[in-house]
Amino acid sequence: MDSGIITPKEIALGDSVFNGRAGEGICATCHGRNGAGTAAAPSLADRSWIHGDGSIGFIKGTVIQGVQHPAQHPLPMPPFEHTLTDRQLQAVAAYVYSLSHK
């Protein structure tokens, strides 16, 4: 997915999934509201990426596969490949990308 084709509607869906308005807010539980970060998981709202380059493809892959051995935080990130639909995975990736590319 190219960053040039992210739509406001897609970001809004990703926001809803991430923060819990459409689903359980499974991302915000560890990463904090709006990706601000917590002691359990890193901020996603800056341009600092621990496990990759911050591209949409990388972000989506991380959401799909999870992070079993985090470098700097105590909790592993579970994979969401079978938890979220493909549309939700794309939207969460777009939303997280938008947080760090304002």
PDB file of N, CA and C in Angstrom:
ATOM      1  N   MET A   1       0.853  -1.172   0.000  1.00  0.00           N
ATOM      2  CA  MET A   1       0.000   0.000   0.000  1.00  0.00           C
ATOM      3  C   MET A   1       0.893   1.228   0.000  1.00  0.00           C
ATOM      4  N   ASP A   2       0.670   2.112  -0.907  1.00  0.00           N
ATOM      5  CA  ASP A   2       1.440   3.341  -0.998  1.00  0.00           C
ATOM      6  C   ASP A   2       0.807   4.397  -0.105  1.00  0.00           C
ATOM      7  N   SER A   3       1.651   5.184   0.575  1.00  0.00           N
ATOM      8  CA  SER A   3       1.118   6.209   1.475  1.00  0.00           C
ATOM      9  C   SER A   3       0.273   7.238   0.735  1.00  0.00           C
ATOM     10  N   GLY A   4       0.444   7.360  -0.578  1.00  0.00           N
ATOM     11  CA  GLY A   4      -0.319   8.322  -1.350  1.00  0.00           C
ATOM     12  C   GLY A   4      -1.782   7.953  -1.528  1.00  0.00           C
ATOM     13  N   ILE A   5      -2.150   6.722  -1.214  1.00  0.00           N
ATOM     14  CA  ILE A   5      -3.536   6.314  -1.409  1.00  0.00           C
ATOM     15  C   ILE A   5      -4.274   6.060  -0.092  1.00  0.00           C
ATOM     16  N   ILE A   6      -3.725   6.522   0.998  1.00  0.00           N
ATOM     17  CA  ILE A   6      -4.424   6.424   2.278  1.00  0.00           C
ATOM     18  C   ILE A   6      -5.548   7.451   2.273  1.00  0.00           C
ATOM     19  N   THR A   7      -6.746   7.006   2.603  1.00  0.00           N
ATOM     20  CA  THR A   7      -7.886   7.918   2.621  1.00  0.00           C
ATOM     21  C   THR A   7      -8.262   8.284   4.059  1.00  0.00           C
ATOM     22  N   PRO A   8      -8.899   9.424   4.238  1.00  0.00           N
ATOM     23  CA  PRO A   8      -9.381   9.788   5.573  1.00  0.00           C
ATOM     24  C   PRO A   8     -10.332   8.734   6.155  1.00  0.00           C
ATOM     25  N   LYS A   9     -11.136   8.112   5.300  1.00  0.00           N
ATOM     26  CA  LYS A   9     -12.062   7.068   5.761  1.00  0.00           C
ATOM     27  C   LYS A   9     -11.292   5.863   6.310  1.00  0.00           C
ATOM     28  N   GLU A  10     -10.218   5.501   5.634  1.00  0.00           N
ATOM     29  CA  GLU A  10      -9.387   4.379   6.080  1.00  0.00           C
ATOM     30  C   GLU A  10      -8.710   4.699   7.417  1.00  0.00           C
ATOM     31  N   ILE A  11      -8.195   5.908   7.546  1.00  0.00           N
ATOM     32  CA  ILE A  11      -7.576   6.330   8.809  1.00  0.00           C
ATOM     33  C   ILE A  11      -8.611   6.329   9.930  1.00  0.00           C
ATOM     34  N   ALA A  12      -9.820   6.788   9.639  1.00  0.00           N
ATOM     35  CA  ALA A  12     -10.880   6.806  10.658  1.00  0.00           C
ATOM     36  C   ALA A  12     -11.230   5.391  11.120  1.00  0.00           C
ATOM     37  N   LEU A  13     -11.296   4.441  10.195  1.00  0.00           N
ATOM     38  CA  LEU A  13     -11.556   3.055  10.582  1.00  0.00           C
ATOM     39  C   LEU A  13     -10.406   2.523  11.429  1.00  0.00           C
ATOM     40  N   GLY A  14      -9.169   2.804  11.014  1.00  0.00           N
ATOM     41  CA  GLY A  14      -8.011   2.367  11.790  1.00  0.00           C
ATOM     42  C   GLY A  14      -8.007   2.953  13.187  1.00  0.00           C
ATOM     43  N   ASP A  15      -8.365   4.216  13.303  1.00  0.00           N
ATOM     44  CA  ASP A  15      -8.485   4.879  14.605  1.00  0.00           C
ATOM     45  C   ASP A  15      -9.516   4.148  15.458  1.00  0.00           C
ATOM     46  N   SER A  16     -10.647   3.817  14.865  1.00  0.00           N
ATOM     47  CA  SER A  16     -11.707   3.123  15.595  1.00  0.00           C
ATOM     48  C   SER A  16     -11.260   1.750  16.092  1.00  0.00           C
ATOM     49  N   VAL A  17     -10.551   1.014  15.260  1.00  0.00           N
ATOM     50  CA  VAL A  17     -10.062  -0.305  15.666  1.00  0.00           C
ATOM     51  C   VAL A  17      -8.982  -0.151  16.733  1.00  0.00           C
ATOM     52  N   PHE A  18      -8.029   0.735  16.490  1.00  0.00           N
ATOM     53  CA  PHE A  18      -6.903   0.932  17.406  1.00  0.00           C
ATOM     54  C   PHE A  18      -7.369   1.371  18.789  1.00  0.00           C
ATOM     55  N   ASN A  19      -8.256   2.348  18.828  1.00  0.00           N
ATOM     56  CA  ASN A  19      -8.670   2.961  20.094  1.00  0.00           C
ATOM     57  C   ASN A  19      -9.952   2.382  20.681  1.00  0.00           C
ATOM     58  N   GLY A  20     -10.586   1.430  19.990  1.00  0.00           N
ATOM     59  CA  GLY A  20     -11.672   0.690  20.593  1.00  0.00           C
ATOM     60  C   GLY A  20     -13.086   1.048  20.233  1.00  0.00           C
ATOM     61  N   ARG A  21     -13.308   1.953  19.321  1.00  0.00           N
ATOM     62  CA  ARG A  21     -14.681   2.298  18.970  1.00  0.00           C
ATOM     63  C   ARG A  21     -15.282   1.296  17.992  1.00  0.00           C
ATOM     64  N   ALA A  22     -14.457   0.592  17.249  1.00  0.00           N
ATOM     65  CA  ALA A  22     -14.930  -0.477  16.352  1.00  0.00           C
ATOM     66  C   ALA A  22     -14.108  -1.714  16.694  1.00  0.00           C
ATOM     67  N   GLY A  23     -14.519  -2.415  17.687  1.00  0.00           N
ATOM     68  CA  GLY A  23     -13.735  -3.544  18.170  1.00  0.00           C
ATOM     69  C   GLY A  23     -13.399  -3.336  19.629  1.00  0.00           C
ATOM     70  N   GLU A  24     -12.336  -3.922  20.072  1.00  0.00           N
ATOM     71  CA  GLU A  24     -12.016  -3.927  21.488  1.00  0.00           C
ATOM     72  C   GLU A  24     -10.920  -2.946  21.891  1.00  0.00           C
ATOM     73  N   GLY A  25     -10.394  -2.179  20.971  1.00  0.00           N
ATOM     74  CA  GLY A  25      -9.307  -1.272  21.326  1.00  0.00           C
ATOM     75  C   GLY A  25      -8.055  -2.022  21.712  1.00  0.00           C
ATOM     76  N   ILE A  26      -7.844  -3.143  21.032  1.00  0.00           N
ATOM     77  CA  ILE A  26      -6.752  -4.026  21.409  1.00  0.00           C
ATOM     78  C   ILE A  26      -5.385  -3.374  21.270  1.00  0.00           C
ATOM     79  N   CYS A  27      -5.230  -2.439  20.386  1.00  0.00           N
ATOM     80  CA  CYS A  27      -3.932  -1.774  20.210  1.00  0.00           C
ATOM     81  C   CYS A  27      -3.672  -0.773  21.338  1.00  0.00           C
ATOM     82  N   ALA A  28      -4.683   0.027  21.646  1.00  0.00           N
ATOM     83  CA  ALA A  28      -4.533   1.067  22.670  1.00  0.00           C
ATOM     84  C   ALA A  28      -4.297   0.483  24.054  1.00  0.00           C
ATOM     85  N   THR A  29      -4.717  -0.750  24.283  1.00  0.00           N
ATOM     86  CA  THR A  29      -4.498  -1.384  25.577  1.00  0.00           C
ATOM     87  C   THR A  29      -3.020  -1.348  25.947  1.00  0.00           C
ATOM     88  N   CYS A  30      -2.145  -1.637  25.017  1.00  0.00           N
ATOM     89  CA  CYS A  30      -0.699  -1.638  25.285  1.00  0.00           C
ATOM     90  C   CYS A  30       0.003  -0.378  24.791  1.00  0.00           C
ATOM     91  N   HIS A  31      -0.370   0.101  23.602  1.00  0.00           N
ATOM     92  CA  HIS A  31       0.334   1.237  22.999  1.00  0.00           C
ATOM     93  C   HIS A  31      -0.196   2.589  23.465  1.00  0.00           C
ATOM     94  N   GLY A  32      -1.256   2.583  24.255  1.00  0.00           N
ATOM     95  CA  GLY A  32      -1.818   3.828  24.760  1.00  0.00           C
ATOM     96  C   GLY A  32      -2.772   4.464  23.774  1.00  0.00           C
ATOM     97  N   ARG A  33      -3.587   5.347  24.290  1.00  0.00           N
ATOM     98  CA  ARG A  33      -4.546   6.079  23.474  1.00  0.00           C
ATOM     99  C   ARG A  33      -3.799   6.850  22.390  1.00  0.00           C
ATOM    100  N   ASN A  34      -4.250   6.729  21.174  1.00  0.00           N
ATOM    101  CA  ASN A  34      -3.650   7.418  20.028  1.00  0.00           C
ATOM    102  C   ASN A  34      -2.179   7.082  19.832  1.00  0.00           C
ATOM    103  N   GLY A  35      -1.767   5.891  20.300  1.00  0.00           N
ATOM    104  CA  GLY A  35      -0.404   5.425  20.064  1.00  0.00           C
ATOM    105  C   GLY A  35       0.667   6.158  20.832  1.00  0.00           C
ATOM    106  N   ALA A  36       0.303   6.797  21.940  1.00  0.00           N
ATOM    107  CA  ALA A  36       1.258   7.607  22.708  1.00  0.00           C
ATOM    108  C   ALA A  36       2.330   6.784  23.412  1.00  0.00           C
ATOM    109  N   GLY A  37       2.103   5.479  23.571  1.00  0.00           N
ATOM    110  CA  GLY A  37       3.068   4.614  24.235  1.00  0.00           C
ATOM    111  C   GLY A  37       2.777   4.466  25.714  1.00  0.00           C
ATOM    112  N   THR A  38       3.240   3.362  26.284  1.00  0.00           N
ATOM    113  CA  THR A  38       3.099   3.072  27.711  1.00  0.00           C
ATOM    114  C   THR A  38       4.364   2.347  28.156  1.00  0.00           C
ATOM    115  N   ALA A  39       4.413   1.970  29.415  1.00  0.00           N
ATOM    116  CA  ALA A  39       5.545   1.174  29.896  1.00  0.00           C
ATOM    117  C   ALA A  39       5.563  -0.202  29.229  1.00  0.00           C
ATOM    118  N   ALA A  40       4.407  -0.661  28.765  1.00  0.00           N
ATOM    119  CA  ALA A  40       4.302  -1.988  28.159  1.00  0.00           C
ATOM    120  C   ALA A  40       4.685  -2.025  26.682  1.00  0.00           C
ATOM    121  N   ALA A  41       4.489  -0.924  25.963  1.00  0.00           N
ATOM    122  CA  ALA A  41       4.716  -0.919  24.515  1.00  0.00           C
ATOM    123  C   ALA A  41       5.104   0.487  24.051  1.00  0.00           C
ATOM    124  N   PRO A  42       5.875   0.568  22.963  1.00  0.00           N
ATOM    125  CA  PRO A  42       6.408   1.862  22.529  1.00  0.00           C
ATOM    126  C   PRO A  42       5.370   2.801  21.922  1.00  0.00           C
ATOM    127  N   SER A  43       5.746   4.060  21.879  1.00  0.00           N
ATOM    128  CA  SER A  43       4.961   5.062  21.170  1.00  0.00           C
ATOM    129  C   SER A  43       4.976   4.735  19.685  1.00  0.00           C
ATOM    130  N   LEU A  44       3.857   4.944  19.049  1.00  0.00           N
ATOM    131  CA  LEU A  44       3.758   4.796  17.600  1.00  0.00           C
ATOM    132  C   LEU A  44       3.520   6.150  16.946  1.00  0.00           C
ATOM    133  N   ALA A  45       3.568   7.198  17.754  1.00  0.00           N
ATOM    134  CA  ALA A  45       3.246   8.538  17.276  1.00  0.00           C
ATOM    135  C   ALA A  45       4.487   9.372  16.977  1.00  0.00           C
ATOM    136  N   ASP A  46       5.636   8.741  16.980  1.00  0.00           N
ATOM    137  CA  ASP A  46       6.849   9.469  16.610  1.00  0.00           C
ATOM    138  C   ASP A  46       7.495   8.740  15.429  1.00  0.00           C
ATOM    139  N   ARG A  47       8.603   9.185  14.993  1.00  0.00           N
ATOM    140  CA  ARG A  47       9.259   8.554  13.842  1.00  0.00           C
ATOM    141  C   ARG A  47      10.339   7.565  14.258  1.00  0.00           C
ATOM    142  N   SER A  48      10.333   7.169  15.506  1.00  0.00           N
ATOM    143  CA  SER A  48      11.313   6.222  16.021  1.00  0.00           C
ATOM    144  C   SER A  48      10.729   4.811  15.965  1.00  0.00           C
ATOM    145  N   TRP A  49      11.332   3.944  15.162  1.00  0.00           N
ATOM    146  CA  TRP A  49      10.842   2.574  15.000  1.00  0.00           C
ATOM    147  C   TRP A  49      11.882   1.606  15.526  1.00  0.00           C
ATOM    148  N   ILE A  50      11.484   0.748  16.432  1.00  0.00           N
ATOM    149  CA  ILE A  50      12.393  -0.203  17.059  1.00  0.00           C
ATOM    150  C   ILE A  50      12.627  -1.416  16.167  1.00  0.00           C
ATOM    151  N   HIS A  51      11.580  -1.895  15.502  1.00  0.00           N
ATOM    152  CA  HIS A  51      11.651  -3.156  14.768  1.00  0.00           C
ATOM    153  C   HIS A  51      11.468  -3.001  13.260  1.00  0.00           C
ATOM    154  N   GLY A  52      11.811  -1.876  12.669  1.00  0.00           N
ATOM    155  CA  GLY A  52      11.656  -1.747  11.230  1.00  0.00           C
ATOM    156  C   GLY A  52      11.717  -0.311  10.770  1.00  0.00           C
ATOM    157  N   ASP A  53      11.204  -0.064   9.568  1.00  0.00           N
ATOM    158  CA  ASP A  53      11.387   1.236   8.921  1.00  0.00           C
ATOM    159  C   ASP A  53      10.182   2.173   8.988  1.00  0.00           C
ATOM    160  N   GLY A  54       9.067   1.746   9.556  1.00  0.00           N
ATOM    161  CA  GLY A  54       7.907   2.625   9.672  1.00  0.00           C
ATOM    162  C   GLY A  54       7.068   2.744   8.419  1.00  0.00           C
ATOM    163  N   SER A  55       7.377   1.948   7.398  1.00  0.00           N
ATOM    164  CA  SER A  55       6.552   1.974   6.184  1.00  0.00           C
ATOM    165  C   SER A  55       5.212   1.292   6.467  1.00  0.00           C
ATOM    166  N   ILE A  56       4.244   1.559   5.629  1.00  0.00           N
ATOM    167  CA  ILE A  56       2.935   0.940   5.809  1.00  0.00           C
ATOM    168  C   ILE A  56       3.036  -0.583   5.715  1.00  0.00           C
ATOM    169  N   GLY A  57       3.818  -1.066   4.778  1.00  0.00           N
ATOM    170  CA  GLY A  57       4.001  -2.512   4.648  1.00  0.00           C
ATOM    171  C   GLY A  57       4.614  -3.125   5.894  1.00  0.00           C
ATOM    172  N   PHE A  58       5.620  -2.461   6.449  1.00  0.00           N
ATOM    173  CA  PHE A  58       6.237  -2.940   7.690  1.00  0.00           C
ATOM    174  C   PHE A  58       5.222  -2.937   8.826  1.00  0.00           C
ATOM    175  N   ILE A  59       4.481  -1.852   8.954  1.00  0.00           N
ATOM    176  CA  ILE A  59       3.497  -1.744  10.039  1.00  0.00           C
ATOM    177  C   ILE A  59       2.453  -2.856   9.914  1.00  0.00           C
ATOM    178  N   LYS A  60       1.916  -3.050   8.719  1.00  0.00           N
ATOM    179  CA  LYS A  60       0.908  -4.100   8.529  1.00  0.00           C
ATOM    180  C   LYS A  60       1.496  -5.470   8.847  1.00  0.00           C
ATOM    181  N   GLY A  61       2.711  -5.729   8.394  1.00  0.00           N
ATOM    182  CA  GLY A  61       3.363  -7.003   8.682  1.00  0.00           C
ATOM    183  C   GLY A  61       3.547  -7.233  10.169  1.00  0.00           C
ATOM    184  N   THR A  62       3.879  -6.176  10.896  1.00  0.00           N
ATOM    185  CA  THR A  62       4.051  -6.289  12.343  1.00  0.00           C
ATOM    186  C   THR A  62       2.722  -6.593  13.023  1.00  0.00           C
ATOM    187  N   VAL A  63       1.660  -5.945  12.584  1.00  0.00           N
ATOM    188  CA  VAL A  63       0.338  -6.211  13.158  1.00  0.00           C
ATOM    189  C   VAL A  63      -0.075  -7.658  12.857  1.00  0.00           C
ATOM    190  N   ILE A  64       0.199  -8.123  11.665  1.00  0.00           N
ATOM    191  CA  ILE A  64      -0.149  -9.496  11.286  1.00  0.00           C
ATOM    192  C   ILE A  64       0.653 -10.512  12.100  1.00  0.00           C
ATOM    193  N   GLN A  65       1.982 -10.318  12.171  1.00  0.00           N
ATOM    194  CA  GLN A  65       2.874 -11.310  12.776  1.00  0.00           C
ATOM    195  C   GLN A  65       3.118 -11.112  14.265  1.00  0.00           C
ATOM    196  N   GLY A  66       2.940  -9.899  14.758  1.00  0.00           N
ATOM    197  CA  GLY A  66       3.261  -9.599  16.144  1.00  0.00           C
ATOM    198  C   GLY A  66       4.767  -9.455  16.340  1.00  0.00           C
ATOM    199  N   VAL A  67       5.165  -9.233  17.578  1.00  0.00           N
ATOM    200  CA  VAL A  67       6.583  -9.125  17.942  1.00  0.00           C
ATOM    201  C   VAL A  67       6.780 -10.030  19.153  1.00  0.00           C
ATOM    202  N   GLN A  68       7.350 -11.190  18.915  1.00  0.00           N
ATOM    203  CA  GLN A  68       7.477 -12.173  19.992  1.00  0.00           C
ATOM    204  C   GLN A  68       8.586 -11.847  20.987  1.00  0.00           C
ATOM    205  N   HIS A  69       9.632 -11.167  20.531  1.00  0.00           N
ATOM    206  CA  HIS A  69      10.764 -10.839  21.396  1.00  0.00           C
ATOM    207  C   HIS A  69      11.084  -9.350  21.278  1.00  0.00           C
ATOM    208  N   PRO A  70      10.290  -8.504  21.941  1.00  0.00           N
ATOM    209  CA  PRO A  70      10.519  -7.060  21.824  1.00  0.00           C
ATOM    210  C   PRO A  70      11.890  -6.660  22.359  1.00  0.00           C
ATOM    211  N   ALA A  71      12.494  -5.699  21.702  1.00  0.00           N
ATOM    212  CA  ALA A  71      13.842  -5.260  22.062  1.00  0.00           C
ATOM    213  C   ALA A  71      13.873  -4.400  23.321  1.00  0.00           C
ATOM    214  N   GLN A  72      12.833  -3.608  23.557  1.00  0.00           N
ATOM    215  CA  GLN A  72      12.907  -2.626  24.640  1.00  0.00           C
ATOM    216  C   GLN A  72      11.728  -2.631  25.604  1.00  0.00           C
ATOM    217  N   HIS A  73      10.746  -3.467  25.404  1.00  0.00           N
ATOM    218  CA  HIS A  73       9.550  -3.440  26.249  1.00  0.00           C
ATOM    219  C   HIS A  73       9.255  -4.841  26.777  1.00  0.00           C
ATOM    220  N   PRO A  74       8.570  -4.937  27.909  1.00  0.00           N
ATOM    221  CA  PRO A  74       8.444  -6.228  28.586  1.00  0.00           C
ATOM    222  C   PRO A  74       7.468  -7.230  27.973  1.00  0.00           C
ATOM    223  N   LEU A  75       6.483  -6.764  27.237  1.00  0.00           N
ATOM    224  CA  LEU A  75       5.450  -7.677  26.751  1.00  0.00           C
ATOM    225  C   LEU A  75       5.580  -7.949  25.259  1.00  0.00           C
ATOM    226  N   PRO A  76       5.436  -9.212  24.844  1.00  0.00           N
ATOM    227  CA  PRO A  76       5.392  -9.483  23.406  1.00  0.00           C
ATOM    228  C   PRO A  76       4.083  -8.957  22.824  1.00  0.00           C
ATOM    229  N   MET A  77       4.118  -8.634  21.550  1.00  0.00           N
ATOM    230  CA  MET A  77       2.902  -8.211  20.853  1.00  0.00           C
ATOM    231  C   MET A  77       2.342  -9.439  20.145  1.00  0.00           C
ATOM    232  N   PRO A  78       1.102  -9.805  20.437  1.00  0.00           N
ATOM    233  CA  PRO A  78       0.535 -10.986  19.778  1.00  0.00           C
ATOM    234  C   PRO A  78       0.244 -10.710  18.304  1.00  0.00           C
ATOM    235  N   PRO A  79       0.222 -11.751  17.484  1.00  0.00           N
ATOM    236  CA  PRO A  79      -0.171 -11.570  16.086  1.00  0.00           C
ATOM    237  C   PRO A  79      -1.681 -11.360  15.992  1.00  0.00           C
ATOM    238  N   PHE A  80      -2.091 -10.529  15.047  1.00  0.00           N
ATOM    239  CA  PHE A  80      -3.513 -10.237  14.873  1.00  0.00           C
ATOM    240  C   PHE A  80      -4.046 -10.713  13.524  1.00  0.00           C
ATOM    241  N   GLU A  81      -3.299 -11.580  12.861  1.00  0.00           N
ATOM    242  CA  GLU A  81      -3.691 -12.083  11.548  1.00  0.00           C
ATOM    243  C   GLU A  81      -5.074 -12.726  11.568  1.00  0.00           C
ATOM    244  N   HIS A  82      -5.411 -13.432  12.630  1.00  0.00           N
ATOM    245  CA  HIS A  82      -6.696 -14.128  12.695  1.00  0.00           C
ATOM    246  C   HIS A  82      -7.699 -13.406  13.588  1.00  0.00           C
ATOM    247  N   THR A  83      -7.312 -12.239  14.104  1.00  0.00           N
ATOM    248  CA  THR A  83      -8.184 -11.456  14.973  1.00  0.00           C
ATOM    249  C   THR A  83      -8.876 -10.345  14.194  1.00  0.00           C
ATOM    250  N   LEU A  84      -8.142  -9.714  13.283  1.00  0.00           N
ATOM    251  CA  LEU A  84      -8.664  -8.598  12.496  1.00  0.00           C
ATOM    252  C   LEU A  84      -8.895  -9.033  11.058  1.00  0.00           C
ATOM    253  N   THR A  85      -9.867  -8.422  10.415  1.00  0.00           N
ATOM    254  CA  THR A  85     -10.094  -8.674   8.991  1.00  0.00           C
ATOM    255  C   THR A  85      -8.992  -7.985   8.191  1.00  0.00           C
ATOM    256  N   ASP A  86      -8.878  -8.339   6.912  1.00  0.00           N
ATOM    257  CA  ASP A  86      -7.868  -7.690   6.077  1.00  0.00           C
ATOM    258  C   ASP A  86      -8.123  -6.188   5.998  1.00  0.00           C
ATOM    259  N   ARG A  87      -9.384  -5.811   5.903  1.00  0.00           N
ATOM    260  CA  ARG A  87      -9.732  -4.380   5.853  1.00  0.00           C
ATOM    261  C   ARG A  87      -9.280  -3.677   7.132  1.00  0.00           C
ATOM    262  N   GLN A  88      -9.506  -4.317   8.286  1.00  0.00           N
ATOM    263  CA  GLN A  88      -9.075  -3.731   9.556  1.00  0.00           C
ATOM    264  C   GLN A  88      -7.550  -3.666   9.650  1.00  0.00           C
ATOM    265  N   LEU A  89      -6.862  -4.700   9.177  1.00  0.00           N
ATOM    266  CA  LEU A  89      -5.390  -4.696   9.185  1.00  0.00           C
ATOM    267  C   LEU A  89      -4.855  -3.530   8.359  1.00  0.00           C
ATOM    268  N   GLN A  90      -5.414  -3.349   7.155  1.00  0.00           N
ATOM    269  CA  GLN A  90      -5.001  -2.232   6.292  1.00  0.00           C
ATOM    270  C   GLN A  90      -5.268  -0.898   6.979  1.00  0.00           C
ATOM    271  N   ALA A  91      -6.441  -0.782   7.596  1.00  0.00           N
ATOM    272  CA  ALA A  91      -6.832   0.476   8.232  1.00  0.00           C
ATOM    273  C   ALA A  91      -5.964   0.789   9.448  1.00  0.00           C
ATOM    274  N   VAL A  92      -5.657  -0.215  10.261  1.00  0.00           N
ATOM    275  CA  VAL A  92      -4.780   0.014  11.415  1.00  0.00           C
ATOM    276  C   VAL A  92      -3.396   0.441  10.935  1.00  0.00           C
ATOM    277  N   ALA A  93      -2.887  -0.203   9.894  1.00  0.00           N
ATOM    278  CA  ALA A  93      -1.583   0.188   9.351  1.00  0.00           C
ATOM    279  C   ALA A  93      -1.616   1.635   8.859  1.00  0.00           C
ATOM    280  N   ALA A  94      -2.674   2.018   8.172  1.00  0.00           N
ATOM    281  CA  ALA A  94      -2.804   3.398   7.686  1.00  0.00           C
ATOM    282  C   ALA A  94      -2.880   4.380   8.849  1.00  0.00           C
ATOM    283  N   TYR A  95      -3.638   4.030   9.874  1.00  0.00           N
ATOM    284  CA  TYR A  95      -3.771   4.905  11.045  1.00  0.00           C
ATOM    285  C   TYR A  95      -2.433   5.080  11.755  1.00  0.00           C
ATOM    286  N   VAL A  96      -1.737   3.978  12.021  1.00  0.00           N
ATOM    287  CA  VAL A  96      -0.439   4.065  12.706  1.00  0.00           C
ATOM    288  C   VAL A  96       0.549   4.861  11.856  1.00  0.00           C
ATOM    289  N   TYR A  97       0.557   4.628  10.550  1.00  0.00           N
ATOM    290  CA  TYR A  97       1.418   5.400   9.653  1.00  0.00           C
ATOM    291  C   TYR A  97       1.099   6.889   9.775  1.00  0.00           C
ATOM    292  N   SER A  98      -0.186   7.220   9.822  1.00  0.00           N
ATOM    293  CA  SER A  98      -0.583   8.635   9.900  1.00  0.00           C
ATOM    294  C   SER A  98      -0.136   9.277  11.214  1.00  0.00           C
ATOM    295  N   LEU A  99      -0.077   8.499  12.290  1.00  0.00           N
ATOM    296  CA  LEU A  99       0.365   9.048  13.580  1.00  0.00           C
ATOM    297  C   LEU A  99       1.797   9.557  13.512  1.00  0.00           C
ATOM    298  N   SER A 100       2.630   8.837  12.786  1.00  0.00           N
ATOM    299  CA  SER A 100       4.049   9.185  12.750  1.00  0.00           C
ATOM    300  C   SER A 100       4.437  10.008  11.526  1.00  0.00           C
ATOM    301  N   HIS A 101       3.480  10.375  10.711  1.00  0.00           N
ATOM    302  CA  HIS A 101       3.769  11.159   9.502  1.00  0.00           C
ATOM    303  C   HIS A 101       2.843  12.368   9.394  1.00  0.00           C
ATOM    304  N   LYS A 102       2.702  13.090  10.491  1.00  0.00           N
ATOM    305  CA  LYS A 102       1.852  14.292  10.487  1.00  0.00           C
ATOM    306  C   LYS A 102       2.631  15.489  10.031  1.00  0.00           C
TER     307      LYS A 102
END
